[in-house]
N, C-alpha and C. Protein backbone atom coordinates (compact mmCIF):
# COMPACT_ATOMS: atom_id res chain seq x y z
N MET A 1 16.82 -18.91 21.44
CA MET A 1 15.93 -19.31 22.49
C MET A 1 16.61 -20.28 23.45
N GLU A 2 17.39 -21.18 22.92
CA GLU A 2 18.08 -22.15 23.76
C GLU A 2 19.03 -21.45 24.73
N ARG A 3 19.68 -20.39 24.25
CA ARG A 3 20.59 -19.63 25.09
C ARG A 3 19.83 -19.01 26.26
N VAL A 4 18.64 -18.46 26.00
CA VAL A 4 17.84 -17.85 27.07
C VAL A 4 17.40 -18.92 28.06
N ARG A 5 17.01 -20.10 27.55
CA ARG A 5 16.59 -21.19 28.43
C ARG A 5 17.73 -21.59 29.37
N LYS A 6 18.96 -21.66 28.83
CA LYS A 6 20.11 -22.02 29.66
C LYS A 6 20.39 -20.93 30.70
N MET A 7 20.23 -19.66 30.30
CA MET A 7 20.43 -18.57 31.25
C MET A 7 19.41 -18.68 32.39
N ASN A 8 18.17 -19.02 32.05
CA ASN A 8 17.14 -19.16 33.08
C ASN A 8 17.45 -20.31 34.02
N GLU A 9 18.03 -21.39 33.48
CA GLU A 9 18.38 -22.53 34.32
C GLU A 9 19.50 -22.15 35.29
N LYS A 10 20.46 -21.33 34.84
CA LYS A 10 21.56 -20.90 35.70
C LYS A 10 21.07 -19.90 36.74
N SER A 11 20.19 -19.01 36.33
CA SER A 11 19.64 -18.02 37.24
C SER A 11 18.57 -18.70 38.09
N LYS A 12 18.49 -18.30 39.34
CA LYS A 12 17.51 -18.93 40.21
C LYS A 12 16.09 -18.63 39.78
N SER A 13 15.84 -17.43 39.31
CA SER A 13 14.46 -17.09 39.00
C SER A 13 14.25 -16.61 37.57
N GLY A 14 15.31 -16.19 36.88
CA GLY A 14 15.14 -15.65 35.53
C GLY A 14 14.25 -14.41 35.55
N SER A 15 14.40 -13.60 36.60
CA SER A 15 13.50 -12.47 36.82
C SER A 15 13.45 -11.50 35.65
N ILE A 16 14.58 -11.19 35.07
CA ILE A 16 14.60 -10.23 33.96
C ILE A 16 13.82 -10.79 32.78
N THR A 17 14.01 -12.06 32.50
CA THR A 17 13.29 -12.68 31.39
C THR A 17 11.79 -12.65 31.67
N LYS A 18 11.39 -12.97 32.89
CA LYS A 18 9.97 -12.98 33.24
C LYS A 18 9.37 -11.58 33.10
N ILE A 19 10.07 -10.58 33.60
CA ILE A 19 9.58 -9.21 33.51
C ILE A 19 9.45 -8.79 32.04
N ALA A 20 10.44 -9.14 31.23
CA ALA A 20 10.40 -8.78 29.80
C ALA A 20 9.20 -9.43 29.11
N ILE A 21 8.97 -10.70 29.40
CA ILE A 21 7.86 -11.41 28.77
C ILE A 21 6.53 -10.81 29.21
N LEU A 22 6.39 -10.55 30.50
CA LEU A 22 5.14 -9.98 30.99
C LEU A 22 4.93 -8.55 30.49
N SER A 23 6.02 -7.83 30.25
CA SER A 23 5.92 -6.47 29.72
C SER A 23 5.32 -6.47 28.32
N ILE A 24 5.64 -7.49 27.55
CA ILE A 24 5.05 -7.60 26.20
C ILE A 24 3.53 -7.64 26.32
N SER A 25 3.05 -8.37 27.31
CA SER A 25 1.61 -8.52 27.49
C SER A 25 0.92 -7.22 27.89
N LEU A 26 1.64 -6.32 28.53
CA LEU A 26 1.06 -5.05 28.92
C LEU A 26 0.70 -4.17 27.71
N LEU A 27 1.36 -4.41 26.59
CA LEU A 27 1.12 -3.59 25.40
C LEU A 27 -0.23 -3.86 24.76
N ILE A 28 -0.73 -5.07 24.89
CA ILE A 28 -1.87 -5.51 24.09
C ILE A 28 -3.09 -4.60 24.20
N LEU A 29 -3.44 -4.20 25.39
CA LEU A 29 -4.62 -3.35 25.54
C LEU A 29 -4.26 -1.86 25.60
N GLY A 30 -3.03 -1.53 25.27
CA GLY A 30 -2.60 -0.14 25.26
C GLY A 30 -3.46 0.78 24.41
N PRO A 31 -3.93 0.34 23.25
CA PRO A 31 -4.76 1.23 22.44
C PRO A 31 -6.03 1.71 23.16
N GLN A 32 -6.50 0.93 24.11
CA GLN A 32 -7.70 1.32 24.85
C GLN A 32 -7.44 2.50 25.78
N ALA A 33 -6.18 2.81 26.03
CA ALA A 33 -5.83 3.92 26.91
C ALA A 33 -6.30 5.26 26.34
N LEU A 34 -6.65 5.28 25.08
CA LEU A 34 -7.12 6.51 24.44
C LEU A 34 -8.54 6.87 24.90
N SER A 35 -9.28 5.93 25.41
CA SER A 35 -10.69 6.15 25.78
C SER A 35 -10.92 7.37 26.66
N PRO A 36 -10.15 7.58 27.72
CA PRO A 36 -10.40 8.77 28.56
C PRO A 36 -10.20 10.10 27.83
N ALA A 37 -9.40 10.09 26.79
CA ALA A 37 -9.13 11.32 26.05
C ALA A 37 -10.10 11.55 24.89
N MET A 38 -11.07 10.67 24.75
CA MET A 38 -11.96 10.75 23.59
C MET A 38 -12.70 12.10 23.53
N GLY A 39 -13.14 12.61 24.67
CA GLY A 39 -13.83 13.91 24.66
C GLY A 39 -12.95 15.03 24.12
N SER A 40 -11.70 15.01 24.51
CA SER A 40 -10.75 16.02 24.02
C SER A 40 -10.51 15.86 22.52
N LEU A 41 -10.43 14.62 22.07
CA LEU A 41 -10.21 14.39 20.63
C LEU A 41 -11.41 14.84 19.81
N ILE A 42 -12.60 14.57 20.32
CA ILE A 42 -13.81 15.01 19.61
C ILE A 42 -13.82 16.54 19.52
N GLY A 43 -13.39 17.21 20.59
CA GLY A 43 -13.30 18.67 20.58
C GLY A 43 -12.21 19.19 19.67
N ALA A 44 -11.10 18.44 19.57
CA ALA A 44 -9.98 18.87 18.74
C ALA A 44 -10.26 18.73 17.25
N PHE A 45 -11.18 17.82 16.91
CA PHE A 45 -11.51 17.59 15.50
C PHE A 45 -13.02 17.73 15.31
N PRO A 46 -13.55 18.95 15.45
CA PRO A 46 -15.00 19.14 15.40
C PRO A 46 -15.62 18.83 14.03
N ASP A 47 -14.81 18.85 12.97
CA ASP A 47 -15.33 18.59 11.63
C ASP A 47 -15.45 17.09 11.34
N ILE A 48 -14.85 16.28 12.19
CA ILE A 48 -14.89 14.82 12.00
C ILE A 48 -16.07 14.27 12.79
N PRO A 49 -16.92 13.45 12.16
CA PRO A 49 -18.04 12.86 12.89
C PRO A 49 -17.55 12.09 14.13
N VAL A 50 -18.32 12.16 15.20
CA VAL A 50 -17.95 11.50 16.45
C VAL A 50 -17.74 10.00 16.23
N SER A 51 -18.57 9.38 15.42
CA SER A 51 -18.43 7.94 15.18
C SER A 51 -17.09 7.61 14.52
N ILE A 52 -16.61 8.48 13.67
CA ILE A 52 -15.31 8.27 13.02
C ILE A 52 -14.19 8.49 14.03
N THR A 53 -14.31 9.53 14.84
CA THR A 53 -13.29 9.81 15.86
C THR A 53 -13.17 8.63 16.82
N ARG A 54 -14.27 8.02 17.17
CA ARG A 54 -14.24 6.88 18.09
C ARG A 54 -13.54 5.66 17.49
N LEU A 55 -13.44 5.62 16.18
CA LEU A 55 -12.71 4.52 15.53
C LEU A 55 -11.23 4.52 15.90
N LEU A 56 -10.72 5.65 16.36
CA LEU A 56 -9.31 5.71 16.74
C LEU A 56 -8.97 4.68 17.81
N ILE A 57 -9.94 4.30 18.61
CA ILE A 57 -9.70 3.30 19.65
C ILE A 57 -9.50 1.92 19.04
N SER A 58 -10.32 1.58 18.08
CA SER A 58 -10.26 0.21 17.53
C SER A 58 -9.34 0.05 16.32
N LEU A 59 -8.92 1.13 15.70
CA LEU A 59 -8.06 1.01 14.51
C LEU A 59 -6.79 0.18 14.74
N PRO A 60 -6.06 0.39 15.84
CA PRO A 60 -4.87 -0.43 16.04
C PRO A 60 -5.19 -1.93 16.16
N LEU A 61 -6.37 -2.24 16.64
CA LEU A 61 -6.74 -3.65 16.80
C LEU A 61 -6.96 -4.33 15.45
N ILE A 62 -7.35 -3.54 14.45
CA ILE A 62 -7.53 -4.10 13.11
C ILE A 62 -6.17 -4.55 12.55
N THR A 63 -5.18 -3.66 12.61
CA THR A 63 -3.86 -4.06 12.10
C THR A 63 -3.19 -5.07 13.02
N LEU A 64 -3.53 -5.06 14.30
CA LEU A 64 -3.02 -6.09 15.21
C LEU A 64 -3.44 -7.47 14.72
N ILE A 65 -4.72 -7.63 14.37
CA ILE A 65 -5.22 -8.92 13.90
C ILE A 65 -4.50 -9.35 12.63
N ILE A 66 -4.38 -8.44 11.69
CA ILE A 66 -3.72 -8.76 10.41
C ILE A 66 -2.27 -9.18 10.64
N PHE A 67 -1.54 -8.41 11.43
CA PHE A 67 -0.12 -8.70 11.62
C PHE A 67 0.14 -9.87 12.56
N THR A 68 -0.83 -10.20 13.40
CA THR A 68 -0.70 -11.42 14.20
C THR A 68 -0.69 -12.62 13.26
N LEU A 69 -1.50 -12.57 12.23
CA LEU A 69 -1.53 -13.66 11.26
C LEU A 69 -0.26 -13.70 10.40
N ILE A 70 0.29 -12.55 10.10
CA ILE A 70 1.49 -12.47 9.26
C ILE A 70 2.75 -12.89 10.03
N THR A 71 2.73 -12.75 11.34
CA THR A 71 3.90 -13.02 12.17
C THR A 71 4.45 -14.43 11.96
N ALA A 72 3.58 -15.40 11.79
CA ALA A 72 4.04 -16.78 11.59
C ALA A 72 4.93 -16.90 10.37
N SER A 73 4.58 -16.22 9.30
CA SER A 73 5.42 -16.29 8.10
C SER A 73 6.72 -15.49 8.28
N LEU A 74 6.69 -14.46 9.10
CA LEU A 74 7.92 -13.70 9.38
C LEU A 74 8.94 -14.54 10.14
N GLU A 75 8.44 -15.46 10.96
CA GLU A 75 9.35 -16.32 11.74
C GLU A 75 10.21 -17.21 10.85
N LYS A 76 9.81 -17.41 9.62
CA LYS A 76 10.62 -18.19 8.68
C LYS A 76 11.86 -17.43 8.25
N ARG A 77 11.80 -16.10 8.33
CA ARG A 77 12.92 -15.27 7.91
C ARG A 77 13.70 -14.64 9.06
N PHE A 78 13.00 -14.36 10.16
CA PHE A 78 13.61 -13.64 11.27
C PHE A 78 13.40 -14.40 12.57
N ASP A 79 14.33 -14.24 13.51
CA ASP A 79 14.12 -14.89 14.81
C ASP A 79 13.11 -14.09 15.62
N LYS A 80 12.55 -14.74 16.62
CA LYS A 80 11.47 -14.15 17.43
C LYS A 80 11.90 -12.88 18.13
N LYS A 81 13.13 -12.86 18.59
CA LYS A 81 13.61 -11.68 19.31
C LYS A 81 13.59 -10.45 18.40
N ARG A 82 14.02 -10.60 17.16
CA ARG A 82 14.00 -9.47 16.22
C ARG A 82 12.58 -9.00 15.93
N ILE A 83 11.67 -9.95 15.79
CA ILE A 83 10.28 -9.60 15.50
C ILE A 83 9.69 -8.81 16.67
N VAL A 84 9.92 -9.30 17.89
CA VAL A 84 9.39 -8.62 19.07
C VAL A 84 10.02 -7.24 19.23
N CYS A 85 11.32 -7.14 19.05
CA CYS A 85 12.00 -5.84 19.17
C CYS A 85 11.48 -4.86 18.12
N ALA A 86 11.28 -5.35 16.90
CA ALA A 86 10.72 -4.49 15.84
C ALA A 86 9.31 -4.05 16.22
N GLY A 87 8.51 -4.97 16.73
CA GLY A 87 7.15 -4.63 17.13
C GLY A 87 7.10 -3.60 18.23
N ILE A 88 7.93 -3.77 19.25
CA ILE A 88 7.96 -2.81 20.36
C ILE A 88 8.44 -1.44 19.88
N THR A 89 9.43 -1.44 19.00
CA THR A 89 9.94 -0.18 18.45
C THR A 89 8.86 0.54 17.64
N ILE A 90 8.19 -0.19 16.77
CA ILE A 90 7.12 0.41 15.96
C ILE A 90 6.02 0.96 16.86
N TYR A 91 5.61 0.17 17.82
CA TYR A 91 4.56 0.60 18.75
C TYR A 91 4.96 1.88 19.49
N THR A 92 6.17 1.90 20.00
CA THR A 92 6.64 3.05 20.78
C THR A 92 6.77 4.30 19.92
N VAL A 93 7.44 4.18 18.79
CA VAL A 93 7.67 5.34 17.92
C VAL A 93 6.35 5.94 17.46
N PHE A 94 5.44 5.10 16.97
CA PHE A 94 4.20 5.65 16.44
C PHE A 94 3.22 6.03 17.55
N GLY A 95 3.35 5.45 18.73
CA GLY A 95 2.58 5.89 19.87
C GLY A 95 2.98 7.30 20.28
N VAL A 96 4.27 7.57 20.28
CA VAL A 96 4.75 8.91 20.60
C VAL A 96 4.35 9.90 19.50
N LEU A 97 4.44 9.47 18.26
CA LEU A 97 4.06 10.36 17.16
C LEU A 97 2.59 10.77 17.24
N CYS A 98 1.75 9.91 17.79
CA CYS A 98 0.33 10.27 17.97
C CYS A 98 0.19 11.55 18.79
N ALA A 99 1.04 11.73 19.76
CA ALA A 99 0.97 12.92 20.60
C ALA A 99 1.29 14.20 19.82
N PHE A 100 1.99 14.05 18.70
CA PHE A 100 2.39 15.20 17.91
C PHE A 100 1.63 15.31 16.59
N ALA A 101 0.65 14.46 16.40
CA ALA A 101 -0.12 14.49 15.14
C ALA A 101 -0.86 15.82 15.04
N ASN A 102 -0.75 16.46 13.87
CA ASN A 102 -1.40 17.76 13.70
C ASN A 102 -2.64 17.68 12.80
N SER A 103 -3.01 16.46 12.43
CA SER A 103 -4.23 16.28 11.64
C SER A 103 -4.86 14.94 12.01
N PHE A 104 -6.13 14.84 11.73
CA PHE A 104 -6.84 13.60 12.03
C PHE A 104 -6.29 12.46 11.17
N ALA A 105 -5.97 12.76 9.91
CA ALA A 105 -5.44 11.73 9.01
C ALA A 105 -4.12 11.18 9.55
N ALA A 106 -3.25 12.05 10.04
CA ALA A 106 -1.98 11.60 10.62
C ALA A 106 -2.23 10.72 11.83
N LEU A 107 -3.17 11.11 12.65
CA LEU A 107 -3.50 10.32 13.84
C LEU A 107 -4.00 8.93 13.45
N VAL A 108 -4.83 8.86 12.44
CA VAL A 108 -5.33 7.56 11.95
C VAL A 108 -4.18 6.70 11.47
N ILE A 109 -3.30 7.27 10.67
CA ILE A 109 -2.16 6.51 10.14
C ILE A 109 -1.26 6.04 11.27
N PHE A 110 -0.94 6.91 12.21
CA PHE A 110 -0.07 6.53 13.33
C PHE A 110 -0.71 5.42 14.17
N ARG A 111 -2.01 5.50 14.41
CA ARG A 111 -2.69 4.47 15.19
C ARG A 111 -2.70 3.13 14.45
N LEU A 112 -2.90 3.17 13.15
CA LEU A 112 -2.86 1.92 12.37
C LEU A 112 -1.48 1.29 12.44
N ILE A 113 -0.44 2.10 12.32
CA ILE A 113 0.92 1.57 12.37
C ILE A 113 1.26 1.07 13.77
N MET A 114 0.73 1.73 14.80
CA MET A 114 0.89 1.21 16.17
C MET A 114 0.37 -0.23 16.25
N GLY A 115 -0.74 -0.48 15.60
CA GLY A 115 -1.33 -1.82 15.58
C GLY A 115 -0.42 -2.85 14.93
N ILE A 116 0.36 -2.41 13.95
CA ILE A 116 1.34 -3.33 13.34
C ILE A 116 2.33 -3.77 14.40
N GLY A 117 2.82 -2.81 15.18
CA GLY A 117 3.75 -3.16 16.26
C GLY A 117 3.13 -4.13 17.25
N LEU A 118 1.88 -3.89 17.60
CA LEU A 118 1.19 -4.80 18.51
C LEU A 118 1.03 -6.19 17.90
N GLY A 119 0.69 -6.22 16.62
CA GLY A 119 0.52 -7.50 15.95
C GLY A 119 1.79 -8.32 15.91
N LEU A 120 2.92 -7.64 15.83
CA LEU A 120 4.20 -8.35 15.81
C LEU A 120 4.57 -8.91 17.18
N THR A 121 3.98 -8.38 18.24
CA THR A 121 4.34 -8.85 19.59
C THR A 121 3.24 -9.68 20.26
N ALA A 122 2.02 -9.58 19.79
CA ALA A 122 0.85 -10.12 20.51
C ALA A 122 0.96 -11.60 20.88
N THR A 123 1.47 -12.41 20.00
CA THR A 123 1.47 -13.85 20.26
C THR A 123 2.64 -14.32 21.11
N TYR A 124 3.58 -13.46 21.36
CA TYR A 124 4.82 -13.93 21.99
C TYR A 124 4.80 -14.01 23.50
N GLY A 125 3.85 -13.37 24.16
CA GLY A 125 3.79 -13.48 25.61
C GLY A 125 3.68 -14.93 26.05
N VAL A 126 2.65 -15.61 25.61
CA VAL A 126 2.45 -17.01 25.97
C VAL A 126 3.48 -17.90 25.27
N SER A 127 3.82 -17.57 24.05
CA SER A 127 4.79 -18.38 23.30
C SER A 127 6.13 -18.46 24.01
N PHE A 128 6.65 -17.33 24.47
CA PHE A 128 7.93 -17.33 25.17
C PHE A 128 7.84 -18.08 26.49
N ILE A 129 6.72 -17.93 27.18
CA ILE A 129 6.55 -18.66 28.44
C ILE A 129 6.58 -20.16 28.18
N SER A 130 5.87 -20.59 27.14
CA SER A 130 5.83 -22.03 26.82
C SER A 130 7.19 -22.55 26.39
N LEU A 131 7.97 -21.73 25.70
CA LEU A 131 9.29 -22.15 25.25
C LEU A 131 10.32 -22.21 26.38
N LEU A 132 10.21 -21.32 27.34
CA LEU A 132 11.28 -21.14 28.32
C LEU A 132 11.01 -21.74 29.69
N PHE A 133 9.76 -22.02 30.01
CA PHE A 133 9.44 -22.46 31.37
C PHE A 133 8.60 -23.73 31.33
N THR A 134 8.65 -24.47 32.42
CA THR A 134 7.89 -25.72 32.52
C THR A 134 7.18 -25.79 33.87
N GLY A 135 6.26 -26.74 33.97
CA GLY A 135 5.61 -27.07 35.24
C GLY A 135 4.86 -25.93 35.89
N ARG A 136 5.00 -25.86 37.21
CA ARG A 136 4.28 -24.86 37.99
C ARG A 136 4.68 -23.44 37.61
N GLU A 137 5.96 -23.26 37.28
CA GLU A 137 6.43 -21.92 36.90
C GLU A 137 5.74 -21.46 35.61
N ARG A 138 5.59 -22.37 34.66
CA ARG A 138 4.89 -22.03 33.41
C ARG A 138 3.44 -21.67 33.71
N THR A 139 2.77 -22.46 34.53
CA THR A 139 1.38 -22.20 34.88
C THR A 139 1.23 -20.85 35.57
N ARG A 140 2.12 -20.57 36.50
CA ARG A 140 2.09 -19.31 37.23
C ARG A 140 2.31 -18.12 36.29
N LEU A 141 3.27 -18.25 35.39
CA LEU A 141 3.57 -17.15 34.46
C LEU A 141 2.44 -16.93 33.45
N ILE A 142 1.79 -18.00 33.02
CA ILE A 142 0.66 -17.83 32.10
C ILE A 142 -0.47 -17.11 32.82
N GLY A 143 -0.69 -17.40 34.10
CA GLY A 143 -1.68 -16.65 34.88
C GLY A 143 -1.31 -15.18 35.01
N LEU A 144 -0.04 -14.92 35.29
CA LEU A 144 0.43 -13.53 35.37
C LEU A 144 0.32 -12.82 34.03
N GLN A 145 0.63 -13.56 32.96
CA GLN A 145 0.55 -12.99 31.62
C GLN A 145 -0.89 -12.62 31.29
N SER A 146 -1.82 -13.46 31.66
CA SER A 146 -3.24 -13.17 31.43
C SER A 146 -3.64 -11.92 32.21
N SER A 147 -3.17 -11.80 33.44
CA SER A 147 -3.46 -10.61 34.24
C SER A 147 -2.83 -9.37 33.61
N ALA A 148 -1.60 -9.49 33.14
CA ALA A 148 -0.91 -8.34 32.52
C ALA A 148 -1.65 -7.89 31.27
N THR A 149 -2.16 -8.84 30.50
CA THR A 149 -2.91 -8.49 29.30
C THR A 149 -4.17 -7.72 29.67
N ASN A 150 -4.85 -8.15 30.72
CA ASN A 150 -6.09 -7.47 31.13
C ASN A 150 -5.83 -6.12 31.78
N VAL A 151 -4.68 -5.96 32.42
CA VAL A 151 -4.32 -4.68 33.02
C VAL A 151 -3.89 -3.71 31.93
N GLY A 152 -3.11 -4.25 30.93
CA GLY A 152 -2.54 -3.46 29.83
C GLY A 152 -3.36 -2.33 29.43
């Protein structure tokens, strides 16, 4: 982290760091992107009750909550960068696998694992901003981070 802080001090704006941090925040509401496809999913799995199919939207949020709590203990063993990279990788891989799921059970499992990836990254948007920036820049980035989370 200290190395990144020094890089930001040398760079006039630290634009790449800012974009990376704000990109983490875009992931948080990603599971909600499934909502427009819900009609198609209900049609694809006619034997599954509609109420169960709709759980696909909130399932990743359940594991997100659990792994957000676990992340603090992971920091004792791994640095933050590794945790975030692992989270983004898990989210991406299992998000793509959802597109190829050939059963409802596989889709449920992939969505739950996606939530693990989200849980590993969820707290770091604001955390990295607080660690790396100060003053007006920190305030501005926290506002942008909040917007990115809501757009996500």
